[in-house]
């Protein structure tokens, strides 16, 4: 199926393949994050070095919504992996970077061609691997509960079955795992309403130069919320929901935006456009 996401277990991590014109592509952001690298920097590097082959592929996320993801052809992944010098990363990341370079593309290719993610030296997992696989299995159960797309749910169910067999565990009735209520939508409704309240007070919080973008800093908003009596706690529930926002569409939470007032670059959470209910006339008072 075009644009179908295929999660692939790689040790304690989950990588993602996507089918584009019957060819395997790797979704780059989760791979980069798993390796402990900074996505914003690697996104620029990937665009510069692999611009001729990198693609923005529209896929269906675990929430059933459509997203555009930066993807690299699987055949080009080794070149990207070996563009990273293990001697120039943090010492605690070095072994993992080398493991990705030596095994990652083979595991993904094996999954694409056979449907299984056999790894070098695979067999009965040791204690450390059992713990990692067990945690991954629990994470898959949670992902299954969140997902509303039947194709994604079927893929997750298949991987849970494979993991359970590897761990010697029974497989529960996966079809009876109900879909969780979409709490994120309610959380973000209050958050965007709080921004509209700040608009009404004339508070300037949008750092984006373009009126079609929204660039915010969570620490600044926390101070503004407190100053104006807004009792929304900007905790992990909010930030997790913001990363899954589709209206406005989430872009990045570490993108550097130039602030003309401060004459410096600042890192912001960036979204493609403002929510429809927000008064766009406030854009005339943007920071930059």
C-alpha atoms as a PDB file:
ATOM      1  CA  UNK A   1       0.000   0.000   0.000  1.00  0.00           C
ATOM      2  CA  UNK A   2       1.356   3.421  -1.011  1.00  0.00           C
ATOM      3  CA  UNK A   3       2.569   5.416   1.996  1.00  0.00           C
ATOM      4  CA  UNK A   4       2.128   2.487   4.387  1.00  0.00           C
ATOM      5  CA  UNK A   5       4.198   2.821   7.565  1.00  0.00           C
ATOM      6  CA  UNK A   6       6.089  -0.301   8.634  1.00  0.00           C
ATOM      7  CA  UNK A   7       7.600  -0.192  12.156  1.00  0.00           C
ATOM      8  CA  UNK A   8      10.728  -2.361  12.439  1.00  0.00           C
ATOM      9  CA  UNK A   9      12.300  -3.423  15.731  1.00  0.00           C
ATOM     10  CA  UNK A  10      16.050  -2.754  15.965  1.00  0.00           C
ATOM     11  CA  UNK A  11      17.298  -3.783  19.401  1.00  0.00           C
ATOM     12  CA  UNK A  12      15.506  -1.449  21.864  1.00  0.00           C
ATOM     13  CA  UNK A  13      14.534   1.023  19.128  1.00  0.00           C
ATOM     14  CA  UNK A  14      11.781   1.185  16.528  1.00  0.00           C
ATOM     15  CA  UNK A  15      12.643   2.247  12.983  1.00  0.00           C
ATOM     16  CA  UNK A  16      10.076   3.044  10.315  1.00  0.00           C
ATOM     17  CA  UNK A  17       9.973   2.040   6.646  1.00  0.00           C
ATOM     18  CA  UNK A  18       7.472   3.414   4.167  1.00  0.00           C
ATOM     19  CA  UNK A  19       6.447   2.048   0.763  1.00  0.00           C
ATOM     20  CA  UNK A  20       6.713   4.630  -2.017  1.00  0.00           C
ATOM     21  CA  UNK A  21       6.080   3.346  -5.569  1.00  0.00           C
ATOM     22  CA  UNK A  22       6.944  -0.171  -4.348  1.00  0.00           C
ATOM     23  CA  UNK A  23      10.361   0.977  -3.169  1.00  0.00           C
ATOM     24  CA  UNK A  24      11.542   1.090   0.484  1.00  0.00           C
ATOM     25  CA  UNK A  25      12.171   4.468   2.083  1.00  0.00           C
ATOM     26  CA  UNK A  26      13.350   5.143   5.642  1.00  0.00           C
ATOM     27  CA  UNK A  27      11.552   7.751   7.767  1.00  0.00           C
ATOM     28  CA  UNK A  28      14.544   9.725   8.980  1.00  0.00           C
ATOM     29  CA  UNK A  29      13.397  11.649  12.059  1.00  0.00           C
ATOM     30  CA  UNK A  30      12.790   8.619  14.353  1.00  0.00           C
ATOM     31  CA  UNK A  31      16.043   7.014  13.162  1.00  0.00           C
ATOM     32  CA  UNK A  32      18.027  10.172  13.920  1.00  0.00           C
ATOM     33  CA  UNK A  33      16.360  10.579  17.319  1.00  0.00           C
ATOM     34  CA  UNK A  34      17.029   6.922  18.209  1.00  0.00           C
ATOM     35  CA  UNK A  35      20.721   7.470  17.514  1.00  0.00           C
ATOM     36  CA  UNK A  36      20.789  10.373  19.965  1.00  0.00           C
ATOM     37  CA  UNK A  37      21.450  12.968  17.263  1.00  0.00           C
ATOM     38  CA  UNK A  38      19.746  16.355  16.828  1.00  0.00           C
ATOM     39  CA  UNK A  39      17.108  16.164  14.093  1.00  0.00           C
ATOM     40  CA  UNK A  40      17.221  19.839  13.046  1.00  0.00           C
ATOM     41  CA  UNK A  41      20.958  19.614  12.268  1.00  0.00           C
ATOM     42  CA  UNK A  42      20.655  16.253  10.514  1.00  0.00           C
ATOM     43  CA  UNK A  43      17.667  17.501   8.503  1.00  0.00           C
ATOM     44  CA  UNK A  44      19.817  20.283   7.036  1.00  0.00           C
ATOM     45  CA  UNK A  45      22.697  17.871   6.397  1.00  0.00           C
ATOM     46  CA  UNK A  46      20.399  15.341   4.717  1.00  0.00           C
ATOM     47  CA  UNK A  47      18.855  18.002   2.501  1.00  0.00           C
ATOM     48  CA  UNK A  48      22.288  19.292   1.465  1.00  0.00           C
ATOM     49  CA  UNK A  49      24.003  15.954   0.796  1.00  0.00           C
ATOM     50  CA  UNK A  50      21.072  13.851  -0.398  1.00  0.00           C
ATOM     51  CA  UNK A  51      18.749  16.499  -1.834  1.00  0.00           C
ATOM     52  CA  UNK A  52      18.511  14.694  -5.170  1.00  0.00           C
ATOM     53  CA  UNK A  53      16.974  11.575  -3.601  1.00  0.00           C
ATOM     54  CA  UNK A  54      15.377  12.670  -0.313  1.00  0.00           C
ATOM     55  CA  UNK A  55      11.571  12.797  -0.426  1.00  0.00           C
ATOM     56  CA  UNK A  56       8.746  14.293   1.590  1.00  0.00           C
ATOM     57  CA  UNK A  57       6.281  11.392   1.625  1.00  0.00           C
ATOM     58  CA  UNK A  58       2.700  11.706   2.810  1.00  0.00           C
ATOM     59  CA  UNK A  59       1.907   8.931   5.266  1.00  0.00           C
ATOM     60  CA  UNK A  60      -0.825   7.943   7.673  1.00  0.00           C
ATOM     61  CA  UNK A  61       0.291   8.338  11.274  1.00  0.00           C
ATOM     62  CA  UNK A  62      -0.684   6.163  14.220  1.00  0.00           C
ATOM     63  CA  UNK A  63      -3.537   8.606  14.926  1.00  0.00           C
ATOM     64  CA  UNK A  64      -4.977   8.061  11.443  1.00  0.00           C
ATOM     65  CA  UNK A  65      -4.035  11.576  10.288  1.00  0.00           C
ATOM     66  CA  UNK A  66      -1.974  12.434   7.211  1.00  0.00           C
ATOM     67  CA  UNK A  67       1.597  13.643   7.706  1.00  0.00           C
ATOM     68  CA  UNK A  68       4.481  14.518   5.411  1.00  0.00           C
ATOM     69  CA  UNK A  69       7.687  12.827   6.553  1.00  0.00           C
ATOM     70  CA  UNK A  70      11.268  13.322   5.408  1.00  0.00           C
ATOM     71  CA  UNK A  71      12.381   9.999   3.928  1.00  0.00           C
ATOM     72  CA  UNK A  72      15.545   8.605   2.352  1.00  0.00           C
ATOM     73  CA  UNK A  73      15.662   5.640  -0.037  1.00  0.00           C
ATOM     74  CA  UNK A  74      16.841   2.575   1.874  1.00  0.00           C
ATOM     75  CA  UNK A  75      19.586   2.026  -0.714  1.00  0.00           C
ATOM     76  CA  UNK A  76      21.074   5.411   0.279  1.00  0.00           C
ATOM     77  CA  UNK A  77      20.912   4.811   4.029  1.00  0.00           C
ATOM     78  CA  UNK A  78      24.446   3.292   4.337  1.00  0.00           C
ATOM     79  CA  UNK A  79      25.937   6.414   2.715  1.00  0.00           C
ATOM     80  CA  UNK A  80      24.069   8.602   5.211  1.00  0.00           C
ATOM     81  CA  UNK A  81      25.041   6.423   8.176  1.00  0.00           C
ATOM     82  CA  UNK A  82      28.733   6.449   7.292  1.00  0.00           C
ATOM     83  CA  UNK A  83      28.673  10.231   6.836  1.00  0.00           C
ATOM     84  CA  UNK A  84      28.609  10.330  10.662  1.00  0.00           C
ATOM     85  CA  UNK A  85      32.017  10.089  12.300  1.00  0.00           C
ATOM     86  CA  UNK A  86      31.682   8.063  15.546  1.00  0.00           C
ATOM     87  CA  UNK A  87      34.768   9.813  16.891  1.00  0.00           C
ATOM     88  CA  UNK A  88      33.035  13.198  16.708  1.00  0.00           C
ATOM     89  CA  UNK A  89      29.891  12.332  18.689  1.00  0.00           C
ATOM     90  CA  UNK A  90      29.428  12.158  22.439  1.00  0.00           C
ATOM     91  CA  UNK A  91      31.335   9.171  23.875  1.00  0.00           C
ATOM     92  CA  UNK A  92      28.150   7.629  25.239  1.00  0.00           C
ATOM     93  CA  UNK A  93      26.666   7.561  21.698  1.00  0.00           C
ATOM     94  CA  UNK A  94      29.685   6.061  19.939  1.00  0.00           C
ATOM     95  CA  UNK A  95      28.852   2.364  20.317  1.00  0.00           C
ATOM     96  CA  UNK A  96      25.267   2.912  19.236  1.00  0.00           C
ATOM     97  CA  UNK A  97      26.306   4.892  16.153  1.00  0.00           C
ATOM     98  CA  UNK A  98      28.681   2.077  15.155  1.00  0.00           C
ATOM     99  CA  UNK A  99      25.966  -0.538  15.703  1.00  0.00           C
ATOM    100  CA  UNK A 100      23.602   1.408  13.449  1.00  0.00           C
ATOM    101  CA  UNK A 101      26.308   1.697  10.791  1.00  0.00           C
ATOM    102  CA  UNK A 102      27.095  -2.024  10.871  1.00  0.00           C
ATOM    103  CA  UNK A 103      23.613  -3.553  11.128  1.00  0.00           C
ATOM    104  CA  UNK A 104      20.771  -1.092  10.586  1.00  0.00           C
ATOM    105  CA  UNK A 105      20.472  -1.189   6.767  1.00  0.00           C
ATOM    106  CA  UNK A 106      20.714  -5.013   6.671  1.00  0.00           C
ATOM    107  CA  UNK A 107      17.909  -5.349   9.231  1.00  0.00           C
ATOM    108  CA  UNK A 108      15.679  -2.937   7.319  1.00  0.00           C
ATOM    109  CA  UNK A 109      16.379  -4.616   3.984  1.00  0.00           C
ATOM    110  CA  UNK A 110      15.668  -8.028   5.507  1.00  0.00           C
ATOM    111  CA  UNK A 111      12.346  -6.750   6.813  1.00  0.00           C
ATOM    112  CA  UNK A 112      11.442  -5.235   3.427  1.00  0.00           C
ATOM    113  CA  UNK A 113      12.204  -8.464   1.554  1.00  0.00           C
ATOM    114  CA  UNK A 114      11.087 -11.119   4.051  1.00  0.00           C
ATOM    115  CA  UNK A 115       8.827  -9.360   6.559  1.00  0.00           C
ATOM    116  CA  UNK A 116      11.065 -10.213   9.518  1.00  0.00           C
ATOM    117  CA  UNK A 117      13.694  -8.130  11.306  1.00  0.00           C
ATOM    118  CA  UNK A 118      16.378 -10.747  11.960  1.00  0.00           C
ATOM    119  CA  UNK A 119      19.538  -9.216  13.434  1.00  0.00           C
ATOM    120  CA  UNK A 120      23.127 -10.349  13.570  1.00  0.00           C
ATOM    121  CA  UNK A 121      23.639 -12.890  16.315  1.00  0.00           C
ATOM    122  CA  UNK A 122      19.891 -13.230  16.796  1.00  0.00           C
ATOM    123  CA  UNK A 123      18.601 -16.124  18.879  1.00  0.00           C
ATOM    124  CA  UNK A 124      17.397 -16.258  22.450  1.00  0.00           C
ATOM    125  CA  UNK A 125      17.662 -12.705  23.841  1.00  0.00           C
ATOM    126  CA  UNK A 126      19.895 -12.089  26.841  1.00  0.00           C
ATOM    127  CA  UNK A 127      18.563 -10.388  29.979  1.00  0.00           C
ATOM    128  CA  UNK A 128      19.285  -6.862  28.722  1.00  0.00           C
ATOM    129  CA  UNK A 129      17.615  -7.591  25.404  1.00  0.00           C
ATOM    130  CA  UNK A 130      14.634  -9.187  27.165  1.00  0.00           C
ATOM    131  CA  UNK A 131      14.097  -6.032  29.211  1.00  0.00           C
ATOM    132  CA  UNK A 132      14.367  -3.838  26.102  1.00  0.00           C
ATOM    133  CA  UNK A 133      12.022  -6.107  24.114  1.00  0.00           C
ATOM    134  CA  UNK A 134       9.514  -6.201  26.970  1.00  0.00           C
ATOM    135  CA  UNK A 135       9.474  -2.406  27.199  1.00  0.00           C
ATOM    136  CA  UNK A 136       9.073  -2.189  23.441  1.00  0.00           C
ATOM    137  CA  UNK A 137       6.162  -4.654  23.608  1.00  0.00           C
ATOM    138  CA  UNK A 138       4.404  -2.507  26.216  1.00  0.00           C
ATOM    139  CA  UNK A 139       4.995   0.589  24.088  1.00  0.00           C
ATOM    140  CA  UNK A 140       3.404  -1.206  21.133  1.00  0.00           C
ATOM    141  CA  UNK A 141       0.326  -2.023  23.238  1.00  0.00           C
ATOM    142  CA  UNK A 142      -0.016   1.684  24.052  1.00  0.00           C
ATOM    143  CA  UNK A 143       0.474   2.607  20.385  1.00  0.00           C
ATOM    144  CA  UNK A 144      -2.194   0.069  19.409  1.00  0.00           C
ATOM    145  CA  UNK A 145      -4.598   1.679  21.858  1.00  0.00           C
ATOM    146  CA  UNK A 146      -3.941   5.124  20.351  1.00  0.00           C
ATOM    147  CA  UNK A 147      -4.169   4.132  16.704  1.00  0.00           C
ATOM    148  CA  UNK A 148      -7.413   4.493  14.756  1.00  0.00           C
ATOM    149  CA  UNK A 149      -6.105   3.346  11.372  1.00  0.00           C
ATOM    150  CA  UNK A 150      -6.889  -0.312  10.672  1.00  0.00           C
ATOM    151  CA  UNK A 151      -3.746  -0.841   8.560  1.00  0.00           C
ATOM    152  CA  UNK A 152      -1.487   0.574  11.279  1.00  0.00           C
ATOM    153  CA  UNK A 153      -3.294  -1.468  13.931  1.00  0.00           C
ATOM    154  CA  UNK A 154      -2.799  -4.665  11.913  1.00  0.00           C
ATOM    155  CA  UNK A 155       0.928  -3.896  11.535  1.00  0.00           C
ATOM    156  CA  UNK A 156       1.318  -3.244  15.266  1.00  0.00           C
ATOM    157  CA  UNK A 157      -0.620  -6.418  16.109  1.00  0.00           C
ATOM    158  CA  UNK A 158       1.723  -8.461  13.912  1.00  0.00           C
ATOM    159  CA  UNK A 159       4.812  -7.047  15.631  1.00  0.00           C
ATOM    160  CA  UNK A 160       3.311  -7.666  19.094  1.00  0.00           C
ATOM    161  CA  UNK A 161       2.695 -11.283  18.102  1.00  0.00           C
ATOM    162  CA  UNK A 162       6.301 -11.683  16.912  1.00  0.00           C
ATOM    163  CA  UNK A 163       7.705 -10.045  20.050  1.00  0.00           C
ATOM    164  CA  UNK A 164       5.541 -12.187  22.323  1.00  0.00           C
ATOM    165  CA  UNK A 165       6.787 -15.358  20.617  1.00  0.00           C
ATOM    166  CA  UNK A 166      10.409 -14.217  20.969  1.00  0.00           C
ATOM    167  CA  UNK A 167       9.876 -13.559  24.691  1.00  0.00           C
ATOM    168  CA  UNK A 168       7.905 -16.768  25.236  1.00  0.00           C
ATOM    169  CA  UNK A 169       4.793 -14.826  26.250  1.00  0.00           C
ATOM    170  CA  UNK A 170       1.163 -15.443  25.369  1.00  0.00           C
ATOM    171  CA  UNK A 171      -0.606 -13.057  23.011  1.00  0.00           C
ATOM    172  CA  UNK A 172      -3.779 -11.427  24.372  1.00  0.00           C
ATOM    173  CA  UNK A 173      -6.841 -10.852  22.233  1.00  0.00           C
ATOM    174  CA  UNK A 174      -5.496  -7.817  20.384  1.00  0.00           C
ATOM    175  CA  UNK A 175      -8.758  -7.151  18.526  1.00  0.00           C
ATOM    176  CA  UNK A 176     -10.409  -6.366  21.873  1.00  0.00           C
ATOM    177  CA  UNK A 177      -7.916  -3.633  22.802  1.00  0.00           C
ATOM    178  CA  UNK A 178     -10.133  -0.562  22.589  1.00  0.00           C
ATOM    179  CA  UNK A 179      -9.058   2.743  21.119  1.00  0.00           C
ATOM    180  CA  UNK A 180      -8.292   5.352  23.773  1.00  0.00           C
ATOM    181  CA  UNK A 181     -10.195   8.620  23.911  1.00  0.00           C
ATOM    182  CA  UNK A 182      -8.374  11.445  22.066  1.00  0.00           C
ATOM    183  CA  UNK A 183      -7.521  13.524  25.134  1.00  0.00           C
ATOM    184  CA  UNK A 184      -4.914  15.538  23.225  1.00  0.00           C
ATOM    185  CA  UNK A 185      -7.600  17.358  21.263  1.00  0.00           C
ATOM    186  CA  UNK A 186      -9.245  18.660  24.438  1.00  0.00           C
ATOM    187  CA  UNK A 187      -5.884  19.674  25.911  1.00  0.00           C
ATOM    188  CA  UNK A 188      -4.921  21.652  22.819  1.00  0.00           C
ATOM    189  CA  UNK A 189      -8.351  23.283  22.591  1.00  0.00           C
ATOM    190  CA  UNK A 190      -7.651  24.911  25.961  1.00  0.00           C
ATOM    191  CA  UNK A 191      -4.097  25.797  24.886  1.00  0.00           C
ATOM    192  CA  UNK A 192      -5.178  27.578  21.668  1.00  0.00           C
ATOM    193  CA  UNK A 193      -7.963  29.310  23.614  1.00  0.00           C
ATOM    194  CA  UNK A 194      -5.279  30.594  26.016  1.00  0.00           C
ATOM    195  CA  UNK A 195      -3.349  32.040  23.068  1.00  0.00           C
ATOM    196  CA  UNK A 196      -6.503  33.798  21.871  1.00  0.00           C
ATOM    197  CA  UNK A 197      -6.829  35.254  25.371  1.00  0.00           C
ATOM    198  CA  UNK A 198      -3.254  36.597  25.117  1.00  0.00           C
ATOM    199  CA  UNK A 199      -4.141  38.054  21.706  1.00  0.00           C
ATOM    200  CA  UNK A 200      -6.986  39.965  23.311  1.00  0.00           C
ATOM    201  CA  UNK A 201      -4.550  41.373  25.866  1.00  0.00           C
ATOM    202  CA  UNK A 202      -2.154  42.505  23.134  1.00  0.00           C
ATOM    203  CA  UNK A 203       0.560  40.103  24.274  1.00  0.00           C
ATOM    204  CA  UNK A 204       3.238  39.463  21.650  1.00  0.00           C
ATOM    205  CA  UNK A 205       4.288  35.823  21.675  1.00  0.00           C
ATOM    206  CA  UNK A 206       4.652  34.838  18.000  1.00  0.00           C
ATOM    207  CA  UNK A 207       8.305  34.998  16.863  1.00  0.00           C
ATOM    208  CA  UNK A 208       7.556  34.053  13.251  1.00  0.00           C
ATOM    209  CA  UNK A 209       8.323  36.575  10.537  1.00  0.00           C
ATOM    210  CA  UNK A 210       5.772  35.056   8.140  1.00  0.00           C
ATOM    211  CA  UNK A 211       2.105  35.500   9.007  1.00  0.00           C
ATOM    212  CA  UNK A 212       1.491  31.889   7.913  1.00  0.00           C
ATOM    213  CA  UNK A 213       3.773  30.533  10.648  1.00  0.00           C
ATOM    214  CA  UNK A 214       3.489  30.356  14.408  1.00  0.00           C
ATOM    215  CA  UNK A 215       6.755  30.273  16.381  1.00  0.00           C
ATOM    216  CA  UNK A 216       6.428  30.103  20.165  1.00  0.00           C
ATOM    217  CA  UNK A 217       8.673  29.542  23.182  1.00  0.00           C
ATOM    218  CA  UNK A 218       7.190  27.389  25.926  1.00  0.00           C
ATOM    219  CA  UNK A 219       9.109  29.146  28.715  1.00  0.00           C
ATOM    220  CA  UNK A 220       7.848  32.558  27.576  1.00  0.00           C
ATOM    221  CA  UNK A 221       4.256  31.304  27.366  1.00  0.00           C
ATOM    222  CA  UNK A 222       4.491  29.821  30.862  1.00  0.00           C
ATOM    223  CA  UNK A 223       5.446  33.249  32.210  1.00  0.00           C
ATOM    224  CA  UNK A 224       2.693  34.988  30.230  1.00  0.00           C
ATOM    225  CA  UNK A 225       0.086  32.444  31.346  1.00  0.00           C
ATOM    226  CA  UNK A 226       1.046  33.026  34.975  1.00  0.00           C
ATOM    227  CA  UNK A 227       1.016  36.809  34.549  1.00  0.00           C
ATOM    228  CA  UNK A 228      -2.490  36.759  33.052  1.00  0.00           C
ATOM    229  CA  UNK A 229      -4.038  34.219  35.407  1.00  0.00           C
ATOM    230  CA  UNK A 230      -4.191  31.339  32.906  1.00  0.00           C
ATOM    231  CA  UNK A 231      -4.076  28.064  34.859  1.00  0.00           C
ATOM    232  CA  UNK A 232      -2.847  25.757  32.076  1.00  0.00           C
ATOM    233  CA  UNK A 233       0.220  23.766  33.108  1.00  0.00           C
ATOM    234  CA  UNK A 234       2.669  23.478  30.217  1.00  0.00           C
ATOM    235  CA  UNK A 235       3.766  19.943  31.070  1.00  0.00           C
ATOM    236  CA  UNK A 236       4.652  16.862  29.019  1.00  0.00           C
ATOM    237  CA  UNK A 237       0.977  16.214  28.213  1.00  0.00           C
ATOM    238  CA  UNK A 238       0.797  19.579  26.447  1.00  0.00           C
ATOM    239  CA  UNK A 239       4.125  19.215  24.641  1.00  0.00           C
ATOM    240  CA  UNK A 240       3.284  15.669  23.511  1.00  0.00           C
ATOM    241  CA  UNK A 241      -0.042  16.911  22.168  1.00  0.00           C
ATOM    242  CA  UNK A 242       1.669  19.834  20.404  1.00  0.00           C
ATOM    243  CA  UNK A 243       4.021  17.427  18.620  1.00  0.00           C
ATOM    244  CA  UNK A 244       0.936  15.670  17.199  1.00  0.00           C
ATOM    245  CA  UNK A 245      -0.943  18.851  16.318  1.00  0.00           C
ATOM    246  CA  UNK A 246      -2.419  18.929  12.831  1.00  0.00           C
ATOM    247  CA  UNK A 247      -4.240  22.263  13.045  1.00  0.00           C
ATOM    248  CA  UNK A 248      -1.968  24.141  13.133  1.00  0.00           C
ATOM    249  CA  UNK A 249       0.435  21.548  11.752  1.00  0.00           C
ATOM    250  CA  UNK A 250       3.498  20.896  13.922  1.00  0.00           C
ATOM    251  CA  UNK A 251       6.854  21.453  12.176  1.00  0.00           C
ATOM    252  CA  UNK A 252       9.634  21.316  14.791  1.00  0.00           C
ATOM    253  CA  UNK A 253      10.313  22.225  18.429  1.00  0.00           C
ATOM    254  CA  UNK A 254      13.961  23.220  18.082  1.00  0.00           C
ATOM    255  CA  UNK A 255      13.954  25.358  14.956  1.00  0.00           C
ATOM    256  CA  UNK A 256      16.071  28.508  15.094  1.00  0.00           C
ATOM    257  CA  UNK A 257      14.090  31.657  14.275  1.00  0.00           C
ATOM    258  CA  UNK A 258      15.748  35.040  13.785  1.00  0.00           C
ATOM    259  CA  UNK A 259      14.469  37.629  16.248  1.00  0.00           C
ATOM    260  CA  UNK A 260      14.980  41.094  14.783  1.00  0.00           C
ATOM    261  CA  UNK A 261      14.328  42.850  18.092  1.00  0.00           C
ATOM    262  CA  UNK A 262      16.998  40.907  19.956  1.00  0.00           C
ATOM    263  CA  UNK A 263      19.255  40.610  16.879  1.00  0.00           C
ATOM    264  CA  UNK A 264      19.851  36.932  17.504  1.00  0.00           C
ATOM    265  CA  UNK A 265      18.568  33.486  16.669  1.00  0.00           C
ATOM    266  CA  UNK A 266      16.247  31.789  19.158  1.00  0.00           C
ATOM    267  CA  UNK A 267      14.882  28.254  19.184  1.00  0.00           C
ATOM    268  CA  UNK A 268      11.113  27.950  18.953  1.00  0.00           C
ATOM    269  CA  UNK A 269       8.272  25.516  18.549  1.00  0.00           C
ATOM    270  CA  UNK A 270       7.156  26.131  14.960  1.00  0.00           C
ATOM    271  CA  UNK A 271       3.774  25.384  13.383  1.00  0.00           C
ATOM    272  CA  UNK A 272       2.726  25.869   9.774  1.00  0.00           C
ATOM    273  CA  UNK A 273      -0.153  28.206  10.437  1.00  0.00           C
ATOM    274  CA  UNK A 274      -2.206  29.744  13.202  1.00  0.00           C
ATOM    275  CA  UNK A 275      -5.420  28.002  14.324  1.00  0.00           C
ATOM    276  CA  UNK A 276      -8.384  29.406  12.430  1.00  0.00           C
ATOM    277  CA  UNK A 277     -10.099  30.982  15.517  1.00  0.00           C
ATOM    278  CA  UNK A 278      -7.048  33.131  16.321  1.00  0.00           C
ATOM    279  CA  UNK A 279      -7.296  36.739  15.157  1.00  0.00           C
ATOM    280  CA  UNK A 280      -4.634  37.007  12.440  1.00  0.00           C
ATOM    281  CA  UNK A 281      -4.476  40.792  12.868  1.00  0.00           C
ATOM    282  CA  UNK A 282      -2.255  40.049  15.855  1.00  0.00           C
ATOM    283  CA  UNK A 283       0.372  39.027  13.291  1.00  0.00           C
ATOM    284  CA  UNK A 284       1.092  42.747  12.718  1.00  0.00           C
ATOM    285  CA  UNK A 285       2.638  42.812  16.186  1.00  0.00           C
ATOM    286  CA  UNK A 286       4.872  39.790  15.720  1.00  0.00           C
ATOM    287  CA  UNK A 287       8.373  39.875  17.166  1.00  0.00           C
ATOM    288  CA  UNK A 288      10.159  39.543  13.879  1.00  0.00           C
END
